Amino acid sequence: MIDVTQLRQGVVYEDVNTGVGPWVVLKYEHVKMGRGTATIKVKIKNLKTGTIIEKAYINGARVQDVSLDKRRGQFLYRDGEGYIFMDPTTYEQFSVSADLVGDYGQFLKEGTEVDLKFFQDDPISITLPLKMKFTVTGTEPGVKGNTVSNVYKDAIIDTGAKIKIPLFVDEGEEVVVNTETGEYVERAK
């Protein structure tokens, strides 16, 4: 049990009164009004459902802190319901829903190592490496001309995702992509 005044951004907890959770704190604010007691306002996200709400606690309230299991997973393949990963230490395979993977799915290729967080043996979050290397499999040839500033063209990488790349990058070259934003970073070295 922890006091609500110890809640900070990134802390994961379960509400003792409702038993609902786990929640992750997105924003924390301590509000003191005149002679009244202090109020703790938090913006929280349910890690199971993804719903985001704002909640207020009175000073002195307590919540149950939650520990999440962190594991590495190696992406194997995608099936109808989701993505199949393997634990590299135990070789145990497990499925992660397509909703949880979200936009990261366009950057997953066979053998990619990811970090997963589990709550009671259920995966609740996935984190890819921030920068990953991909091969450009399809793009139009760059046309030089009125290029005063950075000019980008559409390209398809080996996972099938569409990204924007500079004119000087050609088909077959390797590029580094930011997996958070989906933006081109640099040519691969």
N, C-alpha and C. Protein backbone atom coordinates (compact mmCIF):
# COMPACT_ATOMS: atom_id res chain seq x y z
N MET A 1 0.85 -1.19 0.00
CA MET A 1 0.00 0.00 0.00
C MET A 1 0.89 1.24 0.00
N ILE A 2 0.51 2.20 -0.83
CA ILE A 2 1.23 3.46 -0.86
C ILE A 2 0.24 4.61 -0.72
N ASP A 3 0.73 5.71 -0.20
CA ASP A 3 -0.08 6.90 -0.06
C ASP A 3 -0.22 7.56 -1.43
N VAL A 4 -1.37 8.20 -1.70
CA VAL A 4 -1.59 8.82 -3.01
C VAL A 4 -0.63 9.96 -3.28
N THR A 5 -0.04 10.53 -2.23
CA THR A 5 0.95 11.59 -2.44
C THR A 5 2.24 11.04 -3.05
N GLN A 6 2.42 9.73 -3.04
CA GLN A 6 3.60 9.11 -3.65
C GLN A 6 3.39 8.76 -5.12
N LEU A 7 2.18 8.96 -5.62
CA LEU A 7 1.92 8.69 -7.03
C LEU A 7 2.66 9.71 -7.88
N ARG A 8 3.30 9.25 -8.90
CA ARG A 8 3.99 10.09 -9.87
C ARG A 8 3.79 9.50 -11.25
N GLN A 9 4.15 10.24 -12.27
CA GLN A 9 4.01 9.77 -13.64
C GLN A 9 4.77 8.45 -13.81
N GLY A 10 4.06 7.46 -14.38
CA GLY A 10 4.66 6.15 -14.64
C GLY A 10 4.42 5.11 -13.56
N VAL A 11 3.92 5.53 -12.38
CA VAL A 11 3.64 4.58 -11.30
C VAL A 11 2.40 3.76 -11.66
N VAL A 12 2.47 2.45 -11.41
CA VAL A 12 1.35 1.55 -11.69
C VAL A 12 0.72 1.15 -10.36
N TYR A 13 -0.61 1.26 -10.27
CA TYR A 13 -1.29 0.92 -9.02
C TYR A 13 -2.67 0.35 -9.31
N GLU A 14 -3.28 -0.19 -8.24
CA GLU A 14 -4.65 -0.71 -8.30
C GLU A 14 -5.46 0.03 -7.24
N ASP A 15 -6.67 0.44 -7.58
CA ASP A 15 -7.52 1.17 -6.65
C ASP A 15 -8.07 0.18 -5.62
N VAL A 16 -7.80 0.45 -4.34
CA VAL A 16 -8.21 -0.46 -3.26
C VAL A 16 -9.72 -0.52 -3.12
N ASN A 17 -10.40 0.62 -3.25
CA ASN A 17 -11.84 0.69 -3.04
C ASN A 17 -12.62 -0.05 -4.12
N THR A 18 -12.21 0.10 -5.37
CA THR A 18 -12.96 -0.52 -6.46
C THR A 18 -12.36 -1.84 -6.91
N GLY A 19 -11.07 -2.04 -6.64
CA GLY A 19 -10.40 -3.26 -7.10
C GLY A 19 -10.13 -3.27 -8.59
N VAL A 20 -10.37 -2.13 -9.23
CA VAL A 20 -10.17 -2.03 -10.67
C VAL A 20 -8.73 -1.61 -10.95
N GLY A 21 -8.16 -2.18 -11.95
CA GLY A 21 -6.80 -1.81 -12.31
C GLY A 21 -6.21 -2.85 -13.22
N PRO A 22 -4.99 -2.79 -13.51
CA PRO A 22 -4.01 -1.81 -13.04
C PRO A 22 -4.12 -0.49 -13.81
N TRP A 23 -3.76 0.58 -13.12
CA TRP A 23 -3.76 1.92 -13.69
C TRP A 23 -2.32 2.42 -13.74
N VAL A 24 -1.99 3.17 -14.77
CA VAL A 24 -0.68 3.84 -14.84
C VAL A 24 -0.95 5.34 -14.82
N VAL A 25 -0.17 6.05 -14.01
CA VAL A 25 -0.35 7.49 -13.86
C VAL A 25 0.29 8.20 -15.05
N LEU A 26 -0.52 9.00 -15.76
CA LEU A 26 -0.02 9.78 -16.88
C LEU A 26 0.33 11.20 -16.44
N LYS A 27 -0.46 11.74 -15.49
CA LYS A 27 -0.25 13.10 -15.02
C LYS A 27 -0.64 13.17 -13.55
N TYR A 28 0.15 13.89 -12.75
CA TYR A 28 -0.08 14.00 -11.32
C TYR A 28 -0.13 15.48 -10.95
N GLU A 29 -1.12 15.85 -10.10
CA GLU A 29 -1.23 17.24 -9.66
C GLU A 29 -1.69 17.27 -8.21
N HIS A 30 -0.98 18.03 -7.37
CA HIS A 30 -1.32 18.20 -5.96
C HIS A 30 -1.98 19.57 -5.82
N VAL A 31 -3.27 19.59 -5.40
CA VAL A 31 -4.03 20.83 -5.33
C VAL A 31 -4.39 21.12 -3.88
N LYS A 32 -4.04 22.31 -3.40
CA LYS A 32 -4.37 22.75 -2.03
C LYS A 32 -5.24 23.98 -2.15
N MET A 33 -6.46 23.90 -1.62
CA MET A 33 -7.41 25.00 -1.73
C MET A 33 -7.69 25.59 -0.35
N GLY A 34 -7.29 26.82 -0.13
CA GLY A 34 -7.61 27.56 1.09
C GLY A 34 -7.44 26.75 2.37
N ARG A 35 -8.53 26.65 3.13
CA ARG A 35 -8.50 25.93 4.40
C ARG A 35 -8.82 24.45 4.26
N GLY A 36 -9.26 24.05 3.10
CA GLY A 36 -9.64 22.65 2.90
C GLY A 36 -8.44 21.72 2.85
N THR A 37 -8.73 20.45 2.78
CA THR A 37 -7.64 19.47 2.69
C THR A 37 -7.12 19.43 1.25
N ALA A 38 -5.93 18.93 1.12
CA ALA A 38 -5.32 18.83 -0.21
C ALA A 38 -5.99 17.73 -1.01
N THR A 39 -6.03 17.93 -2.31
CA THR A 39 -6.60 16.94 -3.22
C THR A 39 -5.52 16.53 -4.21
N ILE A 40 -5.46 15.25 -4.49
CA ILE A 40 -4.52 14.72 -5.47
C ILE A 40 -5.32 14.39 -6.72
N LYS A 41 -5.00 15.08 -7.83
CA LYS A 41 -5.68 14.80 -9.09
C LYS A 41 -4.71 14.06 -10.00
N VAL A 42 -5.19 12.95 -10.56
CA VAL A 42 -4.35 12.16 -11.45
C VAL A 42 -5.10 11.86 -12.74
N LYS A 43 -4.37 11.83 -13.81
CA LYS A 43 -4.89 11.37 -15.09
C LYS A 43 -4.29 9.98 -15.26
N ILE A 44 -5.16 8.97 -15.39
CA ILE A 44 -4.69 7.59 -15.37
C ILE A 44 -5.22 6.80 -16.56
N LYS A 45 -4.48 5.76 -16.91
CA LYS A 45 -4.86 4.90 -18.03
C LYS A 45 -4.95 3.46 -17.52
N ASN A 46 -6.07 2.81 -17.83
CA ASN A 46 -6.24 1.41 -17.47
C ASN A 46 -5.40 0.56 -18.42
N LEU A 47 -4.49 -0.23 -17.89
CA LEU A 47 -3.57 -1.00 -18.72
C LEU A 47 -4.24 -2.19 -19.41
N LYS A 48 -5.39 -2.61 -18.92
CA LYS A 48 -6.08 -3.73 -19.57
C LYS A 48 -7.00 -3.25 -20.70
N THR A 49 -7.75 -2.17 -20.44
CA THR A 49 -8.73 -1.71 -21.42
C THR A 49 -8.25 -0.54 -22.26
N GLY A 50 -7.27 0.21 -21.75
CA GLY A 50 -6.76 1.37 -22.48
C GLY A 50 -7.54 2.64 -22.24
N THR A 51 -8.59 2.60 -21.40
CA THR A 51 -9.38 3.80 -21.14
C THR A 51 -8.59 4.79 -20.28
N ILE A 52 -8.75 6.07 -20.58
CA ILE A 52 -8.06 7.12 -19.84
C ILE A 52 -9.11 7.95 -19.11
N ILE A 53 -8.90 8.13 -17.79
CA ILE A 53 -9.82 8.94 -16.99
C ILE A 53 -9.03 9.87 -16.08
N GLU A 54 -9.74 10.84 -15.50
CA GLU A 54 -9.15 11.69 -14.48
C GLU A 54 -9.84 11.36 -13.17
N LYS A 55 -9.05 11.27 -12.10
CA LYS A 55 -9.60 10.88 -10.81
C LYS A 55 -8.99 11.77 -9.74
N ALA A 56 -9.77 12.06 -8.70
CA ALA A 56 -9.29 12.88 -7.59
C ALA A 56 -9.33 12.06 -6.31
N TYR A 57 -8.26 12.14 -5.53
CA TYR A 57 -8.17 11.47 -4.23
C TYR A 57 -7.96 12.53 -3.16
N ILE A 58 -8.51 12.28 -1.97
CA ILE A 58 -8.24 13.19 -0.86
C ILE A 58 -6.88 12.82 -0.27
N ASN A 59 -6.24 13.81 0.33
CA ASN A 59 -4.94 13.58 0.94
C ASN A 59 -5.06 12.51 2.03
N GLY A 60 -4.19 11.55 2.04
CA GLY A 60 -4.23 10.48 3.03
C GLY A 60 -4.81 9.19 2.50
N ALA A 61 -5.45 9.22 1.34
CA ALA A 61 -5.98 7.98 0.75
C ALA A 61 -4.82 7.08 0.36
N ARG A 62 -5.11 5.78 0.29
CA ARG A 62 -4.06 4.81 -0.04
C ARG A 62 -4.50 3.95 -1.21
N VAL A 63 -3.53 3.52 -2.00
CA VAL A 63 -3.77 2.64 -3.14
C VAL A 63 -2.77 1.49 -3.08
N GLN A 64 -3.09 0.42 -3.78
CA GLN A 64 -2.22 -0.76 -3.80
C GLN A 64 -1.24 -0.64 -4.96
N ASP A 65 0.06 -0.62 -4.62
CA ASP A 65 1.05 -0.57 -5.70
C ASP A 65 1.14 -1.94 -6.36
N VAL A 66 1.39 -1.93 -7.65
CA VAL A 66 1.38 -3.15 -8.45
C VAL A 66 2.76 -3.33 -9.07
N SER A 67 3.25 -4.55 -9.01
CA SER A 67 4.52 -4.82 -9.69
C SER A 67 4.22 -5.56 -10.99
N LEU A 68 4.85 -5.12 -12.04
CA LEU A 68 4.67 -5.73 -13.35
C LEU A 68 5.88 -6.61 -13.66
N ASP A 69 5.62 -7.74 -14.29
CA ASP A 69 6.71 -8.60 -14.73
C ASP A 69 7.21 -8.10 -16.07
N LYS A 70 8.52 -7.95 -16.19
CA LYS A 70 9.12 -7.52 -17.46
C LYS A 70 9.83 -8.71 -18.08
N ARG A 71 9.54 -8.94 -19.36
CA ARG A 71 10.17 -10.05 -20.08
C ARG A 71 10.55 -9.61 -21.48
N ARG A 72 11.55 -10.30 -22.02
CA ARG A 72 11.92 -10.10 -23.42
C ARG A 72 11.11 -11.08 -24.25
N GLY A 73 10.80 -10.69 -25.45
CA GLY A 73 10.09 -11.57 -26.37
C GLY A 73 10.66 -11.42 -27.76
N GLN A 74 10.71 -12.52 -28.48
CA GLN A 74 11.19 -12.51 -29.86
C GLN A 74 10.00 -12.75 -30.77
N PHE A 75 9.77 -11.84 -31.73
CA PHE A 75 8.64 -11.96 -32.63
C PHE A 75 8.88 -13.12 -33.59
N LEU A 76 7.86 -14.00 -33.71
CA LEU A 76 7.95 -15.15 -34.61
C LEU A 76 7.12 -14.94 -35.87
N TYR A 77 5.80 -14.74 -35.70
CA TYR A 77 4.92 -14.57 -36.85
C TYR A 77 3.59 -13.98 -36.40
N ARG A 78 2.77 -13.61 -37.38
CA ARG A 78 1.44 -13.10 -37.09
C ARG A 78 0.42 -14.14 -37.52
N ASP A 79 -0.57 -14.38 -36.65
CA ASP A 79 -1.67 -15.27 -37.03
C ASP A 79 -2.97 -14.46 -37.05
N GLY A 80 -4.09 -15.12 -37.18
CA GLY A 80 -5.37 -14.44 -37.33
C GLY A 80 -5.74 -13.53 -36.18
N GLU A 81 -5.48 -13.94 -34.94
CA GLU A 81 -5.91 -13.17 -33.78
C GLU A 81 -4.87 -12.18 -33.27
N GLY A 82 -3.61 -12.41 -33.56
CA GLY A 82 -2.60 -11.53 -32.99
C GLY A 82 -1.20 -11.88 -33.47
N TYR A 83 -0.25 -11.58 -32.61
CA TYR A 83 1.16 -11.77 -32.91
C TYR A 83 1.74 -12.82 -31.96
N ILE A 84 2.53 -13.73 -32.51
CA ILE A 84 3.12 -14.80 -31.71
C ILE A 84 4.56 -14.44 -31.38
N PHE A 85 4.88 -14.48 -30.09
CA PHE A 85 6.22 -14.19 -29.59
C PHE A 85 6.76 -15.42 -28.87
N MET A 86 8.08 -15.45 -28.69
CA MET A 86 8.72 -16.53 -27.96
C MET A 86 9.62 -15.92 -26.89
N ASP A 87 9.57 -16.50 -25.70
CA ASP A 87 10.49 -16.10 -24.64
C ASP A 87 11.85 -16.70 -24.97
N PRO A 88 12.91 -15.89 -25.18
CA PRO A 88 14.19 -16.45 -25.61
C PRO A 88 14.89 -17.32 -24.56
N THR A 89 14.50 -17.23 -23.30
CA THR A 89 15.15 -18.06 -22.28
C THR A 89 14.45 -19.40 -22.08
N THR A 90 13.10 -19.40 -22.14
CA THR A 90 12.37 -20.65 -21.90
C THR A 90 11.83 -21.27 -23.18
N TYR A 91 11.91 -20.55 -24.29
CA TYR A 91 11.38 -20.98 -25.60
C TYR A 91 9.86 -21.20 -25.57
N GLU A 92 9.20 -20.63 -24.58
CA GLU A 92 7.74 -20.71 -24.48
C GLU A 92 7.13 -19.69 -25.44
N GLN A 93 6.11 -20.10 -26.19
CA GLN A 93 5.45 -19.20 -27.13
C GLN A 93 4.17 -18.65 -26.52
N PHE A 94 3.88 -17.39 -26.82
CA PHE A 94 2.66 -16.77 -26.32
C PHE A 94 2.14 -15.78 -27.35
N SER A 95 0.84 -15.50 -27.26
CA SER A 95 0.19 -14.62 -28.22
C SER A 95 -0.07 -13.25 -27.60
N VAL A 96 0.08 -12.21 -28.40
CA VAL A 96 -0.23 -10.84 -27.99
C VAL A 96 -1.25 -10.30 -28.97
N SER A 97 -2.34 -9.73 -28.46
CA SER A 97 -3.42 -9.26 -29.33
C SER A 97 -2.96 -8.14 -30.25
N ALA A 98 -3.61 -8.05 -31.40
CA ALA A 98 -3.29 -7.00 -32.37
C ALA A 98 -3.59 -5.62 -31.81
N ASP A 99 -4.61 -5.51 -30.94
CA ASP A 99 -4.94 -4.22 -30.32
C ASP A 99 -3.80 -3.72 -29.45
N LEU A 100 -3.18 -4.63 -28.70
CA LEU A 100 -2.08 -4.25 -27.82
C LEU A 100 -0.85 -3.84 -28.62
N VAL A 101 -0.56 -4.57 -29.68
CA VAL A 101 0.61 -4.26 -30.51
C VAL A 101 0.40 -2.93 -31.23
N GLY A 102 -0.82 -2.69 -31.71
CA GLY A 102 -1.16 -1.42 -32.34
C GLY A 102 -0.30 -1.09 -33.55
N ASP A 103 0.16 0.15 -33.63
CA ASP A 103 0.95 0.62 -34.77
C ASP A 103 2.34 -0.02 -34.83
N TYR A 104 2.79 -0.59 -33.72
CA TYR A 104 4.10 -1.26 -33.74
C TYR A 104 4.11 -2.45 -34.70
N GLY A 105 2.94 -3.01 -35.00
CA GLY A 105 2.85 -4.18 -35.87
C GLY A 105 3.47 -3.96 -37.23
N GLN A 106 3.42 -2.73 -37.73
CA GLN A 106 3.98 -2.46 -39.05
C GLN A 106 5.51 -2.50 -39.06
N PHE A 107 6.14 -2.51 -37.89
CA PHE A 107 7.60 -2.54 -37.81
C PHE A 107 8.13 -3.87 -37.29
N LEU A 108 7.24 -4.83 -37.03
CA LEU A 108 7.70 -6.13 -36.53
C LEU A 108 8.13 -7.02 -37.68
N LYS A 109 9.35 -7.53 -37.59
CA LYS A 109 9.79 -8.52 -38.56
C LYS A 109 10.35 -9.71 -37.78
N GLU A 110 10.38 -10.85 -38.41
CA GLU A 110 10.78 -12.08 -37.74
C GLU A 110 12.13 -11.91 -37.05
N GLY A 111 12.17 -12.30 -35.76
CA GLY A 111 13.40 -12.22 -34.98
C GLY A 111 13.56 -10.94 -34.18
N THR A 112 12.65 -9.98 -34.34
CA THR A 112 12.75 -8.72 -33.60
C THR A 112 12.56 -8.97 -32.11
N GLU A 113 13.48 -8.46 -31.29
CA GLU A 113 13.39 -8.59 -29.83
C GLU A 113 12.66 -7.37 -29.28
N VAL A 114 11.66 -7.60 -28.43
CA VAL A 114 10.87 -6.53 -27.83
C VAL A 114 10.82 -6.72 -26.32
N ASP A 115 10.48 -5.65 -25.61
CA ASP A 115 10.26 -5.71 -24.17
C ASP A 115 8.77 -5.74 -23.92
N LEU A 116 8.32 -6.67 -23.09
CA LEU A 116 6.90 -6.82 -22.77
C LEU A 116 6.72 -6.69 -21.26
N LYS A 117 5.60 -6.08 -20.86
CA LYS A 117 5.23 -6.01 -19.45
C LYS A 117 3.98 -6.85 -19.25
N PHE A 118 3.99 -7.66 -18.19
CA PHE A 118 2.89 -8.56 -17.89
C PHE A 118 2.28 -8.21 -16.54
N PHE A 119 0.95 -8.31 -16.47
CA PHE A 119 0.22 -8.18 -15.21
C PHE A 119 -0.58 -9.46 -15.05
N GLN A 120 -0.28 -10.23 -14.02
CA GLN A 120 -0.94 -11.52 -13.76
C GLN A 120 -0.93 -12.40 -15.02
N ASP A 121 0.24 -12.56 -15.61
CA ASP A 121 0.49 -13.40 -16.80
C ASP A 121 -0.23 -12.94 -18.06
N ASP A 122 -0.78 -11.74 -18.07
CA ASP A 122 -1.38 -11.17 -19.27
C ASP A 122 -0.49 -10.04 -19.78
N PRO A 123 -0.09 -10.08 -21.05
CA PRO A 123 0.71 -8.97 -21.57
C PRO A 123 -0.12 -7.69 -21.63
N ILE A 124 0.45 -6.58 -21.13
CA ILE A 124 -0.30 -5.32 -21.11
C ILE A 124 0.40 -4.20 -21.86
N SER A 125 1.69 -4.36 -22.16
CA SER A 125 2.37 -3.34 -22.97
C SER A 125 3.55 -3.94 -23.70
N ILE A 126 3.89 -3.32 -24.82
CA ILE A 126 4.99 -3.78 -25.66
C ILE A 126 5.83 -2.57 -26.03
N THR A 127 7.15 -2.76 -26.05
CA THR A 127 8.06 -1.69 -26.43
C THR A 127 9.08 -2.23 -27.42
N LEU A 128 9.13 -1.62 -28.60
CA LEU A 128 10.11 -1.98 -29.61
C LEU A 128 11.38 -1.16 -29.40
N PRO A 129 12.49 -1.60 -30.01
CA PRO A 129 13.67 -0.72 -30.00
C PRO A 129 13.30 0.61 -30.66
N LEU A 130 13.85 1.71 -30.17
CA LEU A 130 13.48 3.02 -30.68
C LEU A 130 13.84 3.18 -32.16
N LYS A 131 15.00 2.66 -32.55
CA LYS A 131 15.43 2.75 -33.95
C LYS A 131 15.68 1.35 -34.48
N MET A 132 15.14 1.07 -35.66
CA MET A 132 15.33 -0.23 -36.29
C MET A 132 15.74 -0.06 -37.74
N LYS A 133 16.45 -1.07 -38.25
CA LYS A 133 16.96 -1.05 -39.62
C LYS A 133 16.01 -1.82 -40.53
N PHE A 134 15.66 -1.23 -41.69
CA PHE A 134 14.77 -1.86 -42.66
C PHE A 134 15.34 -1.67 -44.06
N THR A 135 14.92 -2.55 -44.98
CA THR A 135 15.31 -2.45 -46.38
C THR A 135 14.17 -1.83 -47.17
N VAL A 136 14.49 -0.87 -48.02
CA VAL A 136 13.48 -0.25 -48.88
C VAL A 136 13.19 -1.22 -50.02
N THR A 137 11.94 -1.70 -50.10
CA THR A 137 11.58 -2.68 -51.14
C THR A 137 10.85 -2.04 -52.31
N GLY A 138 10.36 -0.84 -52.13
CA GLY A 138 9.66 -0.19 -53.23
C GLY A 138 9.64 1.31 -53.07
N THR A 139 10.06 2.02 -54.12
CA THR A 139 10.00 3.48 -54.13
C THR A 139 10.17 3.97 -55.56
N GLU A 140 9.77 5.20 -55.80
CA GLU A 140 9.95 5.79 -57.13
C GLU A 140 11.34 6.41 -57.19
N PRO A 141 11.92 6.49 -58.38
CA PRO A 141 13.22 7.16 -58.49
C PRO A 141 13.09 8.64 -58.14
N GLY A 142 14.10 9.18 -57.47
CA GLY A 142 14.07 10.59 -57.08
C GLY A 142 14.31 11.48 -58.28
N VAL A 143 13.51 12.53 -58.40
CA VAL A 143 13.65 13.49 -59.50
C VAL A 143 14.23 14.77 -58.93
N LYS A 144 15.40 15.14 -59.44
CA LYS A 144 16.03 16.37 -58.96
C LYS A 144 15.35 17.55 -59.63
N GLY A 145 15.30 18.65 -58.91
CA GLY A 145 14.66 19.83 -59.47
C GLY A 145 14.55 20.90 -58.42
N ASN A 146 13.34 21.35 -58.18
CA ASN A 146 13.11 22.41 -57.20
C ASN A 146 13.20 21.84 -55.79
N THR A 147 14.42 21.61 -55.32
CA THR A 147 14.62 21.00 -54.00
C THR A 147 15.38 21.96 -53.11
N VAL A 148 14.73 23.02 -52.72
CA VAL A 148 15.35 24.01 -51.85
C VAL A 148 15.48 23.45 -50.44
N SER A 149 14.47 22.72 -49.99
CA SER A 149 14.50 22.16 -48.65
C SER A 149 14.40 20.64 -48.75
N ASN A 150 14.31 19.98 -47.62
CA ASN A 150 14.20 18.53 -47.60
C ASN A 150 12.94 18.08 -48.32
N VAL A 151 13.11 17.20 -49.28
CA VAL A 151 11.98 16.68 -50.03
C VAL A 151 11.91 15.18 -49.80
N TYR A 152 10.74 14.68 -49.49
CA TYR A 152 10.56 13.26 -49.20
C TYR A 152 9.67 12.61 -50.24
N LYS A 153 9.86 11.31 -50.40
CA LYS A 153 9.02 10.52 -51.30
C LYS A 153 8.51 9.31 -50.54
N ASP A 154 7.45 8.70 -51.05
CA ASP A 154 6.88 7.51 -50.41
C ASP A 154 7.76 6.30 -50.68
N ALA A 155 7.81 5.40 -49.70
CA ALA A 155 8.57 4.17 -49.86
C ALA A 155 7.90 3.06 -49.07
N ILE A 156 8.13 1.83 -49.49
CA ILE A 156 7.65 0.66 -48.77
C ILE A 156 8.87 -0.09 -48.26
N ILE A 157 8.84 -0.43 -46.96
CA ILE A 157 9.97 -1.17 -46.38
C ILE A 157 9.63 -2.66 -46.34
N ASP A 158 10.61 -3.48 -45.95
CA ASP A 158 10.45 -4.94 -46.04
C ASP A 158 9.34 -5.52 -45.19
N THR A 159 8.79 -4.78 -44.23
CA THR A 159 7.65 -5.28 -43.45
C THR A 159 6.32 -4.93 -44.10
N GLY A 160 6.36 -4.13 -45.17
CA GLY A 160 5.14 -3.70 -45.85
C GLY A 160 4.65 -2.34 -45.42
N ALA A 161 5.31 -1.74 -44.44
CA ALA A 161 4.90 -0.41 -43.95
C ALA A 161 5.30 0.67 -44.95
N LYS A 162 4.49 1.72 -45.00
CA LYS A 162 4.79 2.86 -45.87
C LYS A 162 5.40 3.97 -45.03
N ILE A 163 6.54 4.50 -45.50
CA ILE A 163 7.21 5.59 -44.81
C ILE A 163 7.62 6.64 -45.83
N LYS A 164 8.08 7.77 -45.35
CA LYS A 164 8.62 8.83 -46.20
C LYS A 164 10.13 8.81 -46.07
N ILE A 165 10.83 8.85 -47.23
CA ILE A 165 12.29 8.86 -47.24
C ILE A 165 12.78 10.00 -48.14
N PRO A 166 14.03 10.44 -47.95
CA PRO A 166 14.57 11.50 -48.81
C PRO A 166 14.74 11.01 -50.25
N LEU A 167 14.83 11.95 -51.18
CA LEU A 167 14.94 11.63 -52.60
C LEU A 167 16.18 10.79 -52.93
N PHE A 168 17.27 10.97 -52.18
CA PHE A 168 18.52 10.29 -52.53
C PHE A 168 18.55 8.81 -52.15
N VAL A 169 17.58 8.32 -51.39
CA VAL A 169 17.55 6.91 -51.01
C VAL A 169 16.83 6.12 -52.10
N ASP A 170 17.46 5.02 -52.53
CA ASP A 170 16.92 4.21 -53.61
C ASP A 170 16.44 2.86 -53.11
N GLU A 171 15.71 2.16 -53.96
CA GLU A 171 15.22 0.82 -53.66
C GLU A 171 16.41 -0.11 -53.40
N GLY A 172 16.27 -0.98 -52.37
CA GLY A 172 17.32 -1.92 -52.03
C GLY A 172 18.26 -1.43 -50.94
N GLU A 173 18.23 -0.14 -50.64
CA GLU A 173 19.09 0.41 -49.59
C GLU A 173 18.46 0.18 -48.22
N GLU A 174 19.32 0.15 -47.19
CA GLU A 174 18.83 0.00 -45.82
C GLU A 174 18.73 1.37 -45.17
N VAL A 175 17.63 1.57 -44.43
CA VAL A 175 17.40 2.82 -43.72
C VAL A 175 17.07 2.53 -42.26
N VAL A 176 17.32 3.52 -41.41
CA VAL A 176 16.97 3.42 -39.99
C VAL A 176 15.69 4.23 -39.79
N VAL A 177 14.71 3.61 -39.10
CA VAL A 177 13.40 4.24 -38.90
C VAL A 177 13.12 4.34 -37.40
N ASN A 178 12.57 5.46 -36.97
CA ASN A 178 12.13 5.65 -35.59
C ASN A 178 10.79 4.92 -35.45
N THR A 179 10.72 3.91 -34.58
CA THR A 179 9.50 3.09 -34.45
C THR A 179 8.39 3.82 -33.70
N GLU A 180 8.71 4.86 -32.95
CA GLU A 180 7.68 5.63 -32.25
C GLU A 180 6.89 6.49 -33.22
N THR A 181 7.61 7.15 -34.14
CA THR A 181 6.98 8.11 -35.04
C THR A 181 6.80 7.58 -36.46
N GLY A 182 7.55 6.54 -36.82
CA GLY A 182 7.49 6.01 -38.17
C GLY A 182 8.25 6.86 -39.17
N GLU A 183 9.15 7.70 -38.68
CA GLU A 183 9.90 8.60 -39.55
C GLU A 183 11.29 8.07 -39.87
N TYR A 184 11.76 8.42 -41.06
CA TYR A 184 13.12 8.11 -41.50
C TYR A 184 14.11 8.83 -40.59
N VAL A 185 15.19 8.14 -40.17
CA VAL A 185 16.21 8.74 -39.34
C VAL A 185 17.49 8.97 -40.14
N GLU A 186 17.98 7.89 -40.77
CA GLU A 186 19.23 7.98 -41.53
C GLU A 186 19.40 6.74 -42.39
N ARG A 187 20.39 6.78 -43.27
CA ARG A 187 20.78 5.58 -44.00
C ARG A 187 21.47 4.65 -43.02
N ALA A 188 21.27 3.35 -43.20
CA ALA A 188 21.93 2.38 -42.32
C ALA A 188 23.40 2.30 -42.68
N LYS A 189 24.22 2.10 -41.67
CA LYS A 189 25.67 2.03 -41.88
C LYS A 189 26.14 0.60 -41.92
